[in-house]
């Protein structure tokens, strides 16, 4: 998952830098710091788990088989 986190960081940092929201120093920190990549990995994992729980809750509420 680390590769995916790095790709996401590069895309987001490039977009933010290109639109002028962040400086080059912040862009370099986002794309080279391993702690930032680990944090993004945690966010991706939490988002994946949350989607599973919401899907199960919605299925129970609507009456789909779980």
C-alpha atoms as a PDB file:
ATOM      1  CA  UNK A   1       0.000   0.000   0.000  1.00  0.00           C
ATOM      2  CA  UNK A   2       2.992   2.285   0.421  1.00  0.00           C
ATOM      3  CA  UNK A   3       3.322   2.664  -3.340  1.00  0.00           C
ATOM      4  CA  UNK A   4      -0.287   3.778  -3.604  1.00  0.00           C
ATOM      5  CA  UNK A   5       0.168   6.260  -0.765  1.00  0.00           C
ATOM      6  CA  UNK A   6       3.223   7.749  -2.478  1.00  0.00           C
ATOM      7  CA  UNK A   7       1.377   8.076  -5.791  1.00  0.00           C
ATOM      8  CA  UNK A   8      -1.552   9.783  -4.079  1.00  0.00           C
ATOM      9  CA  UNK A   9       0.837  12.147  -2.276  1.00  0.00           C
ATOM     10  CA  UNK A  10       2.616  13.055  -5.507  1.00  0.00           C
ATOM     11  CA  UNK A  11      -0.664  13.767  -7.285  1.00  0.00           C
ATOM     12  CA  UNK A  12      -2.139  15.846  -4.460  1.00  0.00           C
ATOM     13  CA  UNK A  13       1.100  17.729  -3.757  1.00  0.00           C
ATOM     14  CA  UNK A  14       1.594  18.477  -7.450  1.00  0.00           C
ATOM     15  CA  UNK A  15      -1.948  19.754  -7.802  1.00  0.00           C
ATOM     16  CA  UNK A  16      -1.705  21.920  -4.676  1.00  0.00           C
ATOM     17  CA  UNK A  17       1.705  23.283  -5.683  1.00  0.00           C
ATOM     18  CA  UNK A  18       0.549  23.956  -9.227  1.00  0.00           C
ATOM     19  CA  UNK A  19      -2.481  25.876  -8.032  1.00  0.00           C
ATOM     20  CA  UNK A  20      -0.418  27.883  -5.537  1.00  0.00           C
ATOM     21  CA  UNK A  21      -1.883  26.501  -2.299  1.00  0.00           C
ATOM     22  CA  UNK A  22       1.453  25.206  -0.936  1.00  0.00           C
ATOM     23  CA  UNK A  23       5.092  26.233  -1.287  1.00  0.00           C
ATOM     24  CA  UNK A  24       7.834  24.094  -2.780  1.00  0.00           C
ATOM     25  CA  UNK A  25       9.170  23.348   0.705  1.00  0.00           C
ATOM     26  CA  UNK A  26       5.842  21.834   1.763  1.00  0.00           C
ATOM     27  CA  UNK A  27       5.585  19.941  -1.535  1.00  0.00           C
ATOM     28  CA  UNK A  28       9.007  18.387  -0.949  1.00  0.00           C
ATOM     29  CA  UNK A  29       8.059  17.442   2.605  1.00  0.00           C
ATOM     30  CA  UNK A  30       4.863  15.728   1.424  1.00  0.00           C
ATOM     31  CA  UNK A  31       6.596  13.739  -1.281  1.00  0.00           C
ATOM     32  CA  UNK A  32       9.804  12.682   0.534  1.00  0.00           C
ATOM     33  CA  UNK A  33       8.936  12.284   4.239  1.00  0.00           C
ATOM     34  CA  UNK A  34       8.262   8.626   5.165  1.00  0.00           C
ATOM     35  CA  UNK A  35       6.165   9.659   8.176  1.00  0.00           C
ATOM     36  CA  UNK A  36       3.739  11.486   5.909  1.00  0.00           C
ATOM     37  CA  UNK A  37       3.472   8.360   3.731  1.00  0.00           C
ATOM     38  CA  UNK A  38       2.748   6.248   6.815  1.00  0.00           C
ATOM     39  CA  UNK A  39       0.056   8.714   7.872  1.00  0.00           C
ATOM     40  CA  UNK A  40      -1.568   8.551   4.435  1.00  0.00           C
ATOM     41  CA  UNK A  41      -1.456   4.741   4.594  1.00  0.00           C
ATOM     42  CA  UNK A  42      -3.310   4.899   7.901  1.00  0.00           C
ATOM     43  CA  UNK A  43      -5.915   7.217   6.407  1.00  0.00           C
ATOM     44  CA  UNK A  44      -6.429   4.900   3.426  1.00  0.00           C
ATOM     45  CA  UNK A  45      -6.850   1.915   5.762  1.00  0.00           C
ATOM     46  CA  UNK A  46      -9.294   3.814   7.982  1.00  0.00           C
ATOM     47  CA  UNK A  47     -11.296   4.928   4.964  1.00  0.00           C
ATOM     48  CA  UNK A  48     -11.457   1.360   3.660  1.00  0.00           C
ATOM     49  CA  UNK A  49     -12.682   0.074   7.020  1.00  0.00           C
ATOM     50  CA  UNK A  50     -15.232   2.890   7.318  1.00  0.00           C
ATOM     51  CA  UNK A  51     -16.668   2.107   3.886  1.00  0.00           C
ATOM     52  CA  UNK A  52     -17.121  -1.528   4.944  1.00  0.00           C
ATOM     53  CA  UNK A  53     -18.922  -0.572   8.142  1.00  0.00           C
ATOM     54  CA  UNK A  54     -21.165   1.956   6.407  1.00  0.00           C
ATOM     55  CA  UNK A  55     -22.000  -0.583   3.707  1.00  0.00           C
ATOM     56  CA  UNK A  56     -22.957  -3.187   6.338  1.00  0.00           C
ATOM     57  CA  UNK A  57     -25.028  -0.636   8.289  1.00  0.00           C
ATOM     58  CA  UNK A  58     -26.834   0.432   5.121  1.00  0.00           C
ATOM     59  CA  UNK A  59     -27.472  -3.195   4.130  1.00  0.00           C
ATOM     60  CA  UNK A  60     -28.983  -3.975   7.533  1.00  0.00           C
ATOM     61  CA  UNK A  61     -31.113  -0.812   7.444  1.00  0.00           C
ATOM     62  CA  UNK A  62     -32.442  -1.480   3.954  1.00  0.00           C
ATOM     63  CA  UNK A  63     -32.881  -5.209   4.532  1.00  0.00           C
ATOM     64  CA  UNK A  64     -30.246  -6.596   2.196  1.00  0.00           C
ATOM     65  CA  UNK A  65     -28.568  -9.860   3.197  1.00  0.00           C
ATOM     66  CA  UNK A  66     -25.349  -9.363   5.153  1.00  0.00           C
END
